[in-house]
Amino acid sequence: MATRPKSAQSQQPRAWQRMLSGRRLDLLDPSPVDIEVEDIAHGLARVARWNGQTTGDLPFNVAQHSLIVETFCGELKPDWPVKWRLAALLHDAPEFVIGDMISPFKAQLGGHYKTIESRLMQAIHLRFGLPPHLPQAVEKLIKRADRASAYFEAVQLAGFDVDEARKLFSAPKGVTPITIEAMTTVNAQKAYLKRFETLSDALTA
C-alpha cells in the first residue's frame, strides 16, 4: 500500500539558519558546536541599532555598540576578570541571527522571544568557555555599560534630546564621554574579531 504524503500542516517549519561558515544553527535548540565567532561578527556588523533610525550615511551597527559596551565595562571595573570582559563583548551576540529589536517591541513579544534569546546566549557562552548563566553582579554591570552606550547613541545619533535620554537611560556615570562616528560594516567586523581574539587569548593563557 502506498503511503500518503505528509500534509503541510504535519510538517514542522524550518527552525535553522545556514551560516556563511557552513554551520547550520538551530534557532530553537542551538548547539555550541554550531557557533562560530566569525558568523557572530559578520552578523552583528550588519545589524543596525535603533531599527536604522540614526543620523548619518552609515547605520550604527551592533558590533560597534558591543565594542563600546566592553570598553565601558573596563572603565567601570578596571580589575574585572577577562572572562567577564568577553561576556560584555558578547552581550548582544544572539542578535547575529535574531536581529536587534527595540525594547518596546521586545516587551510586546514577551516570554517566547526571551526564551529563544536565552537559549542562543547559553550556547554562545558555552562555546567560548563562559558559564551559561552569568552572575547577577556581572549582568548588572554589563547592563549599566549598555545603558551608558545607549544614552550616547540616543542623543548623538537617534534624535533624542538630553532630558528624554536621561529619563530613559539615565545620565552615564563612571565612563568617559564619547563622540560616536558610525563604523563601516567591514571595519566594525574586523574590530570585533580583533577584540574577541585578544580577550579569548588572554582567557586561555
N, C-alpha and C. Protein backbone atom coordinates (compact mmCIF):
# COMPACT_ATOMS: atom_id res chain seq x y z
N MET A 1 0.84 -1.19 0.00
CA MET A 1 0.00 0.00 0.00
C MET A 1 0.88 1.25 0.00
N ALA A 2 0.55 2.17 -0.88
CA ALA A 2 1.31 3.41 -0.96
C ALA A 2 1.05 4.28 0.26
N THR A 3 2.13 4.87 0.74
CA THR A 3 1.98 5.76 1.89
C THR A 3 1.48 7.12 1.44
N ARG A 4 0.68 7.72 2.28
CA ARG A 4 0.14 9.04 1.96
C ARG A 4 1.17 10.10 2.27
N PRO A 5 1.31 11.09 1.42
CA PRO A 5 2.27 12.16 1.70
C PRO A 5 1.83 12.94 2.93
N LYS A 6 2.81 13.39 3.67
CA LYS A 6 2.50 14.20 4.84
C LYS A 6 1.86 15.51 4.42
N SER A 7 0.88 15.91 5.18
CA SER A 7 0.25 17.19 4.88
C SER A 7 1.18 18.32 5.30
N ALA A 8 0.93 19.48 4.72
CA ALA A 8 1.75 20.65 5.05
C ALA A 8 1.63 20.98 6.52
N GLN A 9 0.44 20.69 7.09
CA GLN A 9 0.24 21.04 8.49
C GLN A 9 1.05 20.15 9.42
N SER A 10 1.33 18.91 9.00
CA SER A 10 2.05 17.99 9.87
C SER A 10 3.55 18.20 9.83
N GLN A 11 4.06 18.98 8.87
CA GLN A 11 5.48 19.22 8.74
C GLN A 11 5.90 20.39 9.62
N GLN A 12 6.97 20.19 10.36
CA GLN A 12 7.48 21.26 11.20
C GLN A 12 8.15 22.32 10.36
N PRO A 13 7.90 23.60 10.63
CA PRO A 13 8.57 24.65 9.88
C PRO A 13 10.07 24.64 10.16
N ARG A 14 10.84 25.06 9.19
CA ARG A 14 12.29 25.09 9.35
C ARG A 14 12.67 26.06 10.47
N ALA A 15 13.53 25.60 11.39
CA ALA A 15 13.93 26.44 12.52
C ALA A 15 15.44 26.67 12.54
N TRP A 16 16.13 26.34 11.45
CA TRP A 16 17.57 26.53 11.41
C TRP A 16 17.95 27.53 10.33
N GLN A 17 19.13 28.10 10.50
CA GLN A 17 19.66 29.02 9.51
C GLN A 17 21.06 28.58 9.10
N ARG A 18 21.31 28.64 7.82
CA ARG A 18 22.64 28.33 7.30
C ARG A 18 23.56 29.53 7.51
N MET A 19 24.70 29.31 8.14
CA MET A 19 25.69 30.35 8.36
C MET A 19 26.70 30.36 7.21
N LEU A 20 27.37 31.48 7.02
CA LEU A 20 28.38 31.56 5.97
C LEU A 20 29.57 30.66 6.25
N SER A 21 29.76 30.29 7.53
CA SER A 21 30.83 29.36 7.88
C SER A 21 30.49 27.94 7.42
N GLY A 22 29.24 27.71 7.06
CA GLY A 22 28.78 26.38 6.69
C GLY A 22 27.98 25.70 7.80
N ARG A 23 28.00 26.29 8.99
CA ARG A 23 27.24 25.73 10.10
C ARG A 23 25.74 25.87 9.85
N ARG A 24 24.98 24.94 10.40
CA ARG A 24 23.52 25.02 10.33
C ARG A 24 23.01 25.17 11.77
N LEU A 25 22.64 26.38 12.13
CA LEU A 25 22.29 26.71 13.51
C LEU A 25 20.79 26.59 13.73
N ASP A 26 20.43 25.70 14.65
CA ASP A 26 19.02 25.53 15.03
C ASP A 26 18.67 26.64 16.01
N LEU A 27 17.75 27.51 15.64
CA LEU A 27 17.43 28.67 16.47
C LEU A 27 16.63 28.28 17.71
N LEU A 28 15.92 27.18 17.67
CA LEU A 28 15.12 26.76 18.81
C LEU A 28 15.89 25.84 19.76
N ASP A 29 16.88 25.15 19.25
CA ASP A 29 17.69 24.25 20.06
C ASP A 29 19.15 24.38 19.64
N PRO A 30 19.74 25.55 19.88
CA PRO A 30 21.10 25.81 19.37
C PRO A 30 22.16 24.99 20.09
N SER A 31 23.12 24.52 19.34
CA SER A 31 24.23 23.76 19.89
C SER A 31 25.49 24.63 19.89
N PRO A 32 26.29 24.60 20.95
CA PRO A 32 27.54 25.36 20.96
C PRO A 32 28.47 25.02 19.80
N VAL A 33 28.42 23.79 19.31
CA VAL A 33 29.33 23.40 18.23
C VAL A 33 28.98 24.08 16.92
N ASP A 34 27.79 24.66 16.84
CA ASP A 34 27.38 25.35 15.62
C ASP A 34 27.58 26.87 15.71
N ILE A 35 28.24 27.33 16.77
CA ILE A 35 28.51 28.74 16.97
C ILE A 35 29.94 29.05 16.54
N GLU A 36 30.12 30.02 15.67
CA GLU A 36 31.45 30.48 15.25
C GLU A 36 31.53 31.99 15.41
N VAL A 37 32.62 32.49 15.97
CA VAL A 37 32.73 33.93 16.20
C VAL A 37 32.73 34.71 14.89
N GLU A 38 33.25 34.09 13.82
CA GLU A 38 33.24 34.77 12.53
C GLU A 38 31.81 35.05 12.06
N ASP A 39 30.89 34.11 12.32
CA ASP A 39 29.49 34.33 11.97
C ASP A 39 28.88 35.43 12.84
N ILE A 40 29.24 35.42 14.13
CA ILE A 40 28.72 36.44 15.03
C ILE A 40 29.17 37.83 14.58
N ALA A 41 30.47 37.99 14.33
CA ALA A 41 31.00 39.29 13.92
C ALA A 41 30.40 39.74 12.60
N HIS A 42 30.27 38.82 11.67
CA HIS A 42 29.69 39.14 10.36
C HIS A 42 28.26 39.63 10.52
N GLY A 43 27.48 38.90 11.33
CA GLY A 43 26.07 39.27 11.50
C GLY A 43 25.90 40.57 12.25
N LEU A 44 26.60 40.73 13.39
CA LEU A 44 26.42 41.93 14.20
C LEU A 44 26.84 43.20 13.47
N ALA A 45 27.86 43.09 12.62
CA ALA A 45 28.31 44.25 11.86
C ALA A 45 27.29 44.68 10.81
N ARG A 46 26.31 43.83 10.56
CA ARG A 46 25.29 44.13 9.55
C ARG A 46 23.90 44.34 10.15
N VAL A 47 23.82 44.36 11.48
CA VAL A 47 22.55 44.63 12.17
C VAL A 47 22.58 46.06 12.69
N ALA A 48 21.59 46.85 12.30
CA ALA A 48 21.54 48.25 12.69
C ALA A 48 20.86 48.42 14.04
N ARG A 49 21.46 49.23 14.89
CA ARG A 49 20.82 49.63 16.15
C ARG A 49 19.70 50.62 15.84
N TRP A 50 18.74 50.74 16.77
CA TRP A 50 17.66 51.72 16.67
C TRP A 50 16.80 51.52 15.42
N ASN A 51 16.70 50.28 14.97
CA ASN A 51 15.94 49.98 13.74
C ASN A 51 16.40 50.83 12.55
N GLY A 52 17.67 51.24 12.59
CA GLY A 52 18.21 52.02 11.48
C GLY A 52 17.85 53.50 11.53
N GLN A 53 17.11 53.91 12.56
CA GLN A 53 16.68 55.30 12.66
C GLN A 53 17.77 56.15 13.34
N THR A 54 18.89 56.29 12.63
CA THR A 54 20.01 57.07 13.12
C THR A 54 20.49 58.01 12.03
N THR A 55 21.14 59.07 12.45
CA THR A 55 21.64 60.06 11.51
C THR A 55 22.91 59.56 10.83
N GLY A 56 23.26 60.22 9.72
CA GLY A 56 24.49 59.88 9.02
C GLY A 56 24.27 58.94 7.86
N ASP A 57 25.33 58.80 7.07
CA ASP A 57 25.24 57.95 5.89
C ASP A 57 25.32 56.46 6.20
N LEU A 58 25.92 56.12 7.37
CA LEU A 58 26.09 54.72 7.74
C LEU A 58 25.19 54.36 8.91
N PRO A 59 24.59 53.19 8.90
CA PRO A 59 23.85 52.73 10.08
C PRO A 59 24.83 52.43 11.20
N PHE A 60 24.37 52.63 12.42
CA PHE A 60 25.20 52.31 13.59
C PHE A 60 24.94 50.86 13.94
N ASN A 61 25.97 50.03 13.85
CA ASN A 61 25.74 48.59 13.96
C ASN A 61 26.03 48.03 15.35
N VAL A 62 25.52 46.84 15.59
CA VAL A 62 25.60 46.20 16.90
C VAL A 62 27.03 45.80 17.25
N ALA A 63 27.84 45.48 16.27
CA ALA A 63 29.24 45.14 16.55
C ALA A 63 29.95 46.32 17.19
N GLN A 64 29.77 47.52 16.64
CA GLN A 64 30.40 48.71 17.21
C GLN A 64 29.84 49.01 18.60
N HIS A 65 28.54 48.87 18.76
CA HIS A 65 27.93 49.06 20.08
C HIS A 65 28.54 48.10 21.10
N SER A 66 28.75 46.86 20.72
CA SER A 66 29.31 45.86 21.63
C SER A 66 30.72 46.22 22.06
N LEU A 67 31.49 46.78 21.15
CA LEU A 67 32.85 47.22 21.48
C LEU A 67 32.82 48.35 22.50
N ILE A 68 31.88 49.27 22.35
CA ILE A 68 31.75 50.37 23.30
C ILE A 68 31.37 49.85 24.68
N VAL A 69 30.41 48.93 24.73
CA VAL A 69 29.96 48.39 26.00
C VAL A 69 31.11 47.68 26.72
N GLU A 70 31.89 46.91 25.99
CA GLU A 70 33.02 46.21 26.61
C GLU A 70 34.05 47.20 27.13
N THR A 71 34.29 48.28 26.40
CA THR A 71 35.22 49.31 26.87
C THR A 71 34.70 49.98 28.13
N PHE A 72 33.41 50.30 28.16
CA PHE A 72 32.82 50.92 29.35
C PHE A 72 32.91 49.99 30.57
N CYS A 73 32.72 48.70 30.36
CA CYS A 73 32.84 47.76 31.47
C CYS A 73 34.25 47.80 32.06
N GLY A 74 35.25 47.95 31.19
CA GLY A 74 36.62 48.05 31.67
C GLY A 74 36.86 49.32 32.47
N GLU A 75 36.18 50.40 32.10
CA GLU A 75 36.31 51.65 32.85
C GLU A 75 35.58 51.56 34.20
N LEU A 76 34.43 50.93 34.20
CA LEU A 76 33.65 50.81 35.43
C LEU A 76 34.29 49.83 36.41
N LYS A 77 34.98 48.83 35.88
CA LYS A 77 35.57 47.79 36.73
C LYS A 77 36.94 47.42 36.15
N PRO A 78 37.95 48.26 36.40
CA PRO A 78 39.27 48.01 35.80
C PRO A 78 39.88 46.65 36.14
N ASP A 79 39.54 46.10 37.30
CA ASP A 79 40.12 44.82 37.71
C ASP A 79 39.24 43.63 37.36
N TRP A 80 38.28 43.84 36.48
CA TRP A 80 37.37 42.76 36.09
C TRP A 80 38.12 41.63 35.43
N PRO A 81 37.79 40.37 35.75
CA PRO A 81 38.41 39.23 35.05
C PRO A 81 38.13 39.27 33.55
N VAL A 82 39.07 38.75 32.79
CA VAL A 82 38.94 38.76 31.33
C VAL A 82 37.67 38.06 30.87
N LYS A 83 37.25 37.01 31.57
CA LYS A 83 36.07 36.27 31.12
C LYS A 83 34.82 37.14 31.14
N TRP A 84 34.76 38.09 32.09
CA TRP A 84 33.58 38.96 32.12
C TRP A 84 33.68 40.05 31.05
N ARG A 85 34.91 40.45 30.72
CA ARG A 85 35.08 41.39 29.60
C ARG A 85 34.63 40.73 28.30
N LEU A 86 34.95 39.44 28.14
CA LEU A 86 34.50 38.70 26.97
C LEU A 86 32.98 38.59 26.96
N ALA A 87 32.39 38.33 28.12
CA ALA A 87 30.93 38.26 28.21
C ALA A 87 30.30 39.60 27.81
N ALA A 88 30.95 40.70 28.18
CA ALA A 88 30.44 42.02 27.80
C ALA A 88 30.49 42.20 26.28
N LEU A 89 31.58 41.78 25.65
CA LEU A 89 31.68 41.88 24.20
C LEU A 89 30.58 41.06 23.52
N LEU A 90 30.22 39.94 24.12
CA LEU A 90 29.24 39.03 23.54
C LEU A 90 27.81 39.30 24.01
N HIS A 91 27.59 40.39 24.74
CA HIS A 91 26.30 40.56 25.41
C HIS A 91 25.12 40.63 24.44
N ASP A 92 25.35 41.07 23.22
CA ASP A 92 24.28 41.11 22.21
C ASP A 92 24.49 40.08 21.10
N ALA A 93 25.34 39.11 21.34
CA ALA A 93 25.69 38.14 20.29
C ALA A 93 24.50 37.42 19.67
N PRO A 94 23.43 37.07 20.43
CA PRO A 94 22.30 36.39 19.78
C PRO A 94 21.70 37.19 18.63
N GLU A 95 21.92 38.48 18.61
CA GLU A 95 21.34 39.31 17.56
C GLU A 95 21.96 39.05 16.19
N PHE A 96 23.03 38.26 16.13
CA PHE A 96 23.61 37.94 14.83
C PHE A 96 22.66 37.08 14.00
N VAL A 97 21.68 36.46 14.67
CA VAL A 97 20.68 35.70 13.91
C VAL A 97 19.25 36.18 14.14
N ILE A 98 18.97 36.80 15.29
CA ILE A 98 17.58 37.22 15.55
C ILE A 98 17.39 38.73 15.40
N GLY A 99 18.47 39.46 15.12
CA GLY A 99 18.35 40.89 14.89
C GLY A 99 18.25 41.69 16.19
N ASP A 100 18.30 43.00 16.03
CA ASP A 100 18.22 43.89 17.18
C ASP A 100 16.82 44.50 17.22
N MET A 101 16.03 44.07 18.18
CA MET A 101 14.68 44.60 18.33
C MET A 101 14.67 45.64 19.45
N ILE A 102 14.04 46.76 19.21
CA ILE A 102 13.99 47.80 20.23
C ILE A 102 13.19 47.31 21.43
N SER A 103 13.53 47.84 22.61
CA SER A 103 12.94 47.35 23.86
C SER A 103 11.41 47.34 23.88
N PRO A 104 10.72 48.37 23.36
CA PRO A 104 9.26 48.33 23.38
C PRO A 104 8.68 47.14 22.62
N PHE A 105 9.33 46.76 21.52
CA PHE A 105 8.83 45.62 20.75
C PHE A 105 9.12 44.31 21.47
N LYS A 106 10.31 44.21 22.10
CA LYS A 106 10.62 43.01 22.87
C LYS A 106 9.59 42.78 23.97
N ALA A 107 9.18 43.87 24.61
CA ALA A 107 8.21 43.77 25.70
C ALA A 107 6.88 43.21 25.19
N GLN A 108 6.51 43.56 23.97
CA GLN A 108 5.25 43.07 23.41
C GLN A 108 5.34 41.61 23.02
N LEU A 109 6.52 41.17 22.58
CA LEU A 109 6.69 39.77 22.18
C LEU A 109 6.67 38.83 23.39
N GLY A 110 7.20 39.31 24.50
CA GLY A 110 7.10 38.56 25.75
C GLY A 110 8.02 37.36 25.86
N GLY A 111 7.53 36.35 26.57
CA GLY A 111 8.36 35.24 27.01
C GLY A 111 8.96 34.38 25.92
N HIS A 112 8.24 34.14 24.82
CA HIS A 112 8.75 33.25 23.79
C HIS A 112 10.03 33.81 23.18
N TYR A 113 10.04 35.11 22.91
CA TYR A 113 11.25 35.73 22.36
C TYR A 113 12.41 35.60 23.35
N LYS A 114 12.13 35.87 24.63
CA LYS A 114 13.17 35.81 25.65
C LYS A 114 13.74 34.40 25.78
N THR A 115 12.89 33.39 25.60
CA THR A 115 13.35 32.01 25.68
C THR A 115 14.33 31.70 24.55
N ILE A 116 13.98 32.10 23.34
CA ILE A 116 14.86 31.87 22.20
C ILE A 116 16.18 32.61 22.39
N GLU A 117 16.11 33.86 22.82
CA GLU A 117 17.31 34.66 23.05
C GLU A 117 18.19 34.02 24.11
N SER A 118 17.57 33.54 25.20
CA SER A 118 18.32 32.94 26.29
C SER A 118 19.02 31.66 25.86
N ARG A 119 18.35 30.83 25.08
CA ARG A 119 18.97 29.59 24.62
C ARG A 119 20.17 29.88 23.72
N LEU A 120 20.03 30.87 22.85
CA LEU A 120 21.15 31.24 22.00
C LEU A 120 22.33 31.75 22.83
N MET A 121 22.03 32.59 23.82
CA MET A 121 23.09 33.13 24.65
C MET A 121 23.81 32.04 25.44
N GLN A 122 23.06 31.08 25.95
CA GLN A 122 23.68 29.98 26.68
C GLN A 122 24.62 29.18 25.78
N ALA A 123 24.19 28.92 24.54
CA ALA A 123 25.03 28.18 23.60
C ALA A 123 26.29 28.96 23.27
N ILE A 124 26.15 30.28 23.10
CA ILE A 124 27.29 31.13 22.79
C ILE A 124 28.28 31.14 23.95
N HIS A 125 27.77 31.29 25.17
CA HIS A 125 28.64 31.28 26.34
C HIS A 125 29.41 29.96 26.46
N LEU A 126 28.71 28.86 26.30
CA LEU A 126 29.37 27.56 26.40
C LEU A 126 30.42 27.37 25.32
N ARG A 127 30.13 27.87 24.13
CA ARG A 127 31.07 27.74 23.01
C ARG A 127 32.41 28.42 23.32
N PHE A 128 32.35 29.52 24.07
CA PHE A 128 33.57 30.30 24.29
C PHE A 128 34.05 30.26 25.74
N GLY A 129 33.68 29.20 26.45
CA GLY A 129 34.25 28.95 27.76
C GLY A 129 33.69 29.77 28.89
N LEU A 130 32.48 30.31 28.72
CA LEU A 130 31.82 31.08 29.76
C LEU A 130 30.70 30.26 30.38
N PRO A 131 30.30 30.57 31.61
CA PRO A 131 29.16 29.85 32.19
C PRO A 131 27.87 30.20 31.43
N PRO A 132 26.95 29.26 31.33
CA PRO A 132 25.72 29.53 30.57
C PRO A 132 24.92 30.70 31.13
N HIS A 133 24.96 30.85 32.45
CA HIS A 133 24.27 31.96 33.10
C HIS A 133 25.30 32.79 33.87
N LEU A 134 25.33 34.09 33.61
CA LEU A 134 26.29 34.96 34.27
C LEU A 134 25.83 35.31 35.68
N PRO A 135 26.76 35.55 36.59
CA PRO A 135 26.39 36.03 37.92
C PRO A 135 25.60 37.34 37.81
N GLN A 136 24.70 37.55 38.74
CA GLN A 136 23.84 38.73 38.71
C GLN A 136 24.65 40.02 38.71
N ALA A 137 25.71 40.06 39.48
CA ALA A 137 26.54 41.27 39.55
C ALA A 137 27.18 41.57 38.20
N VAL A 138 27.56 40.53 37.47
CA VAL A 138 28.15 40.71 36.14
C VAL A 138 27.10 41.23 35.16
N GLU A 139 25.93 40.60 35.18
CA GLU A 139 24.83 41.06 34.34
C GLU A 139 24.51 42.53 34.61
N LYS A 140 24.51 42.90 35.88
CA LYS A 140 24.16 44.27 36.27
C LYS A 140 25.17 45.27 35.73
N LEU A 141 26.46 44.95 35.81
CA LEU A 141 27.47 45.88 35.31
C LEU A 141 27.40 46.00 33.79
N ILE A 142 27.22 44.88 33.12
CA ILE A 142 27.09 44.93 31.66
C ILE A 142 25.89 45.78 31.26
N LYS A 143 24.79 45.62 31.98
CA LYS A 143 23.59 46.41 31.69
C LYS A 143 23.86 47.89 31.92
N ARG A 144 24.60 48.22 32.96
CA ARG A 144 24.94 49.62 33.21
C ARG A 144 25.74 50.20 32.06
N ALA A 145 26.73 49.45 31.58
CA ALA A 145 27.53 49.89 30.44
C ALA A 145 26.69 49.98 29.17
N ASP A 146 25.77 49.04 29.02
CA ASP A 146 24.87 49.02 27.87
C ASP A 146 24.00 50.28 27.84
N ARG A 147 23.47 50.66 28.99
CA ARG A 147 22.63 51.84 29.09
C ARG A 147 23.44 53.12 28.85
N ALA A 148 24.69 53.11 29.29
CA ALA A 148 25.55 54.27 29.05
C ALA A 148 25.79 54.45 27.56
N SER A 149 26.07 53.36 26.87
CA SER A 149 26.24 53.43 25.42
C SER A 149 24.95 53.89 24.74
N ALA A 150 23.82 53.34 25.20
CA ALA A 150 22.53 53.71 24.62
C ALA A 150 22.26 55.20 24.79
N TYR A 151 22.67 55.76 25.93
CA TYR A 151 22.47 57.20 26.17
C TYR A 151 23.23 58.02 25.11
N PHE A 152 24.50 57.73 24.93
CA PHE A 152 25.29 58.48 23.95
C PHE A 152 24.76 58.28 22.54
N GLU A 153 24.36 57.05 22.23
CA GLU A 153 23.78 56.78 20.90
C GLU A 153 22.49 57.57 20.71
N ALA A 154 21.66 57.60 21.76
CA ALA A 154 20.36 58.26 21.66
C ALA A 154 20.49 59.75 21.35
N VAL A 155 21.37 60.42 22.08
CA VAL A 155 21.46 61.88 21.92
C VAL A 155 22.30 62.27 20.71
N GLN A 156 23.23 61.42 20.29
CA GLN A 156 24.11 61.77 19.18
C GLN A 156 23.62 61.26 17.82
N LEU A 157 22.89 60.15 17.85
CA LEU A 157 22.53 59.51 16.57
C LEU A 157 21.04 59.32 16.36
N ALA A 158 20.28 59.11 17.44
CA ALA A 158 18.90 58.65 17.30
C ALA A 158 17.85 59.72 17.54
N GLY A 159 18.24 60.98 17.64
CA GLY A 159 17.28 62.08 17.68
C GLY A 159 16.66 62.37 19.03
N PHE A 160 17.17 61.80 20.12
CA PHE A 160 16.65 62.07 21.45
C PHE A 160 17.26 63.36 21.99
N ASP A 161 16.46 64.14 22.74
CA ASP A 161 17.09 65.26 23.44
C ASP A 161 17.64 64.75 24.77
N VAL A 162 18.46 65.55 25.42
CA VAL A 162 19.17 65.11 26.61
C VAL A 162 18.21 64.73 27.73
N ASP A 163 17.18 65.53 27.96
CA ASP A 163 16.24 65.24 29.05
C ASP A 163 15.53 63.91 28.82
N GLU A 164 15.12 63.66 27.59
CA GLU A 164 14.44 62.41 27.26
C GLU A 164 15.37 61.21 27.45
N ALA A 165 16.62 61.37 27.00
CA ALA A 165 17.58 60.28 27.14
C ALA A 165 17.89 59.99 28.60
N ARG A 166 17.96 61.03 29.41
CA ARG A 166 18.22 60.84 30.84
C ARG A 166 17.08 60.07 31.51
N LYS A 167 15.86 60.37 31.12
CA LYS A 167 14.72 59.67 31.71
C LYS A 167 14.71 58.18 31.33
N LEU A 168 15.10 57.90 30.11
CA LEU A 168 15.03 56.52 29.62
C LEU A 168 16.25 55.69 29.99
N PHE A 169 17.43 56.31 29.95
CA PHE A 169 18.67 55.54 30.10
C PHE A 169 19.54 55.98 31.28
N SER A 170 19.21 57.12 31.89
CA SER A 170 20.00 57.73 32.96
C SER A 170 21.29 58.31 32.39
N ALA A 171 21.74 59.40 33.00
CA ALA A 171 22.99 60.03 32.57
C ALA A 171 24.15 59.12 32.96
N PRO A 172 25.05 58.80 32.03
CA PRO A 172 26.15 57.88 32.34
C PRO A 172 27.07 58.43 33.43
N LYS A 173 27.49 57.54 34.33
CA LYS A 173 28.44 57.89 35.38
C LYS A 173 29.55 56.85 35.39
N GLY A 174 30.77 57.32 35.57
CA GLY A 174 31.90 56.41 35.68
C GLY A 174 32.51 55.99 34.37
N VAL A 175 32.03 56.57 33.25
CA VAL A 175 32.60 56.25 31.94
C VAL A 175 33.02 57.54 31.26
N THR A 176 33.98 57.43 30.34
CA THR A 176 34.45 58.59 29.60
C THR A 176 33.45 58.95 28.52
N PRO A 177 32.97 60.21 28.48
CA PRO A 177 32.05 60.61 27.41
C PRO A 177 32.69 60.38 26.05
N ILE A 178 31.90 59.91 25.11
CA ILE A 178 32.42 59.59 23.79
C ILE A 178 31.65 60.34 22.71
N THR A 179 32.31 60.55 21.59
CA THR A 179 31.67 61.05 20.39
C THR A 179 31.64 59.91 19.39
N ILE A 180 30.45 59.53 18.97
CA ILE A 180 30.29 58.34 18.15
C ILE A 180 30.29 58.69 16.66
N GLU A 181 31.11 57.98 15.91
CA GLU A 181 31.09 58.02 14.46
C GLU A 181 30.87 56.59 13.98
N ALA A 182 29.81 56.38 13.25
CA ALA A 182 29.47 55.02 12.82
C ALA A 182 30.58 54.43 11.96
N MET A 183 30.95 53.21 12.29
CA MET A 183 31.97 52.49 11.53
C MET A 183 31.33 51.78 10.32
N THR A 184 32.14 51.56 9.32
CA THR A 184 31.66 50.75 8.20
C THR A 184 31.48 49.31 8.67
N THR A 185 30.71 48.56 7.93
CA THR A 185 30.49 47.15 8.24
C THR A 185 31.82 46.40 8.31
N VAL A 186 32.66 46.61 7.33
CA VAL A 186 33.94 45.90 7.27
C VAL A 186 34.81 46.24 8.47
N ASN A 187 34.92 47.52 8.81
CA ASN A 187 35.78 47.93 9.92
C ASN A 187 35.23 47.45 11.27
N ALA A 188 33.92 47.50 11.44
CA ALA A 188 33.32 47.03 12.68
C ALA A 188 33.53 45.53 12.85
N GLN A 189 33.37 44.80 11.77
CA GLN A 189 33.57 43.35 11.82
C GLN A 189 35.01 43.02 12.19
N LYS A 190 35.96 43.70 11.56
CA LYS A 190 37.37 43.45 11.85
C LYS A 190 37.71 43.81 13.30
N ALA A 191 37.20 44.96 13.77
CA ALA A 191 37.49 45.40 15.14
C ALA A 191 36.91 44.44 16.16
N TYR A 192 35.72 43.95 15.88
CA TYR A 192 35.07 43.00 16.80
C TYR A 192 35.88 41.71 16.88
N LEU A 193 36.30 41.19 15.73
CA LEU A 193 37.07 39.96 15.72
C LEU A 193 38.43 40.14 16.40
N LYS A 194 39.05 41.30 16.19
CA LYS A 194 40.34 41.56 16.82
C LYS A 194 40.22 41.61 18.33
N ARG A 195 39.18 42.29 18.83
CA ARG A 195 38.99 42.38 20.28
C ARG A 195 38.64 41.01 20.86
N PHE A 196 37.82 40.26 20.16
CA PHE A 196 37.49 38.90 20.61
C PHE A 196 38.76 38.06 20.73
N GLU A 197 39.62 38.13 19.71
CA GLU A 197 40.84 37.34 19.72
C GLU A 197 41.73 37.71 20.90
N THR A 198 41.84 39.02 21.18
CA THR A 198 42.67 39.46 22.30
C THR A 198 42.13 38.93 23.62
N LEU A 199 40.83 39.04 23.84
CA LEU A 199 40.23 38.58 25.08
C LEU A 199 40.27 37.05 25.19
N SER A 200 39.99 36.38 24.10
CA SER A 200 39.98 34.92 24.10
C SER A 200 41.37 34.37 24.39
N ASP A 201 42.40 34.98 23.78
CA ASP A 201 43.76 34.53 24.02
C ASP A 201 44.16 34.74 25.48
N ALA A 202 43.76 35.88 26.04
CA ALA A 202 44.05 36.16 27.45
C ALA A 202 43.34 35.19 28.37
N LEU A 203 42.14 34.79 27.98
CA LEU A 203 41.34 33.88 28.80
C LEU A 203 41.98 32.49 28.86
N THR A 204 42.57 32.06 27.75
CA THR A 204 43.13 30.72 27.67
C THR A 204 44.62 30.68 27.99
N ALA A 205 45.22 31.84 28.26
CA ALA A 205 46.66 31.89 28.53
C ALA A 205 46.99 31.22 29.87
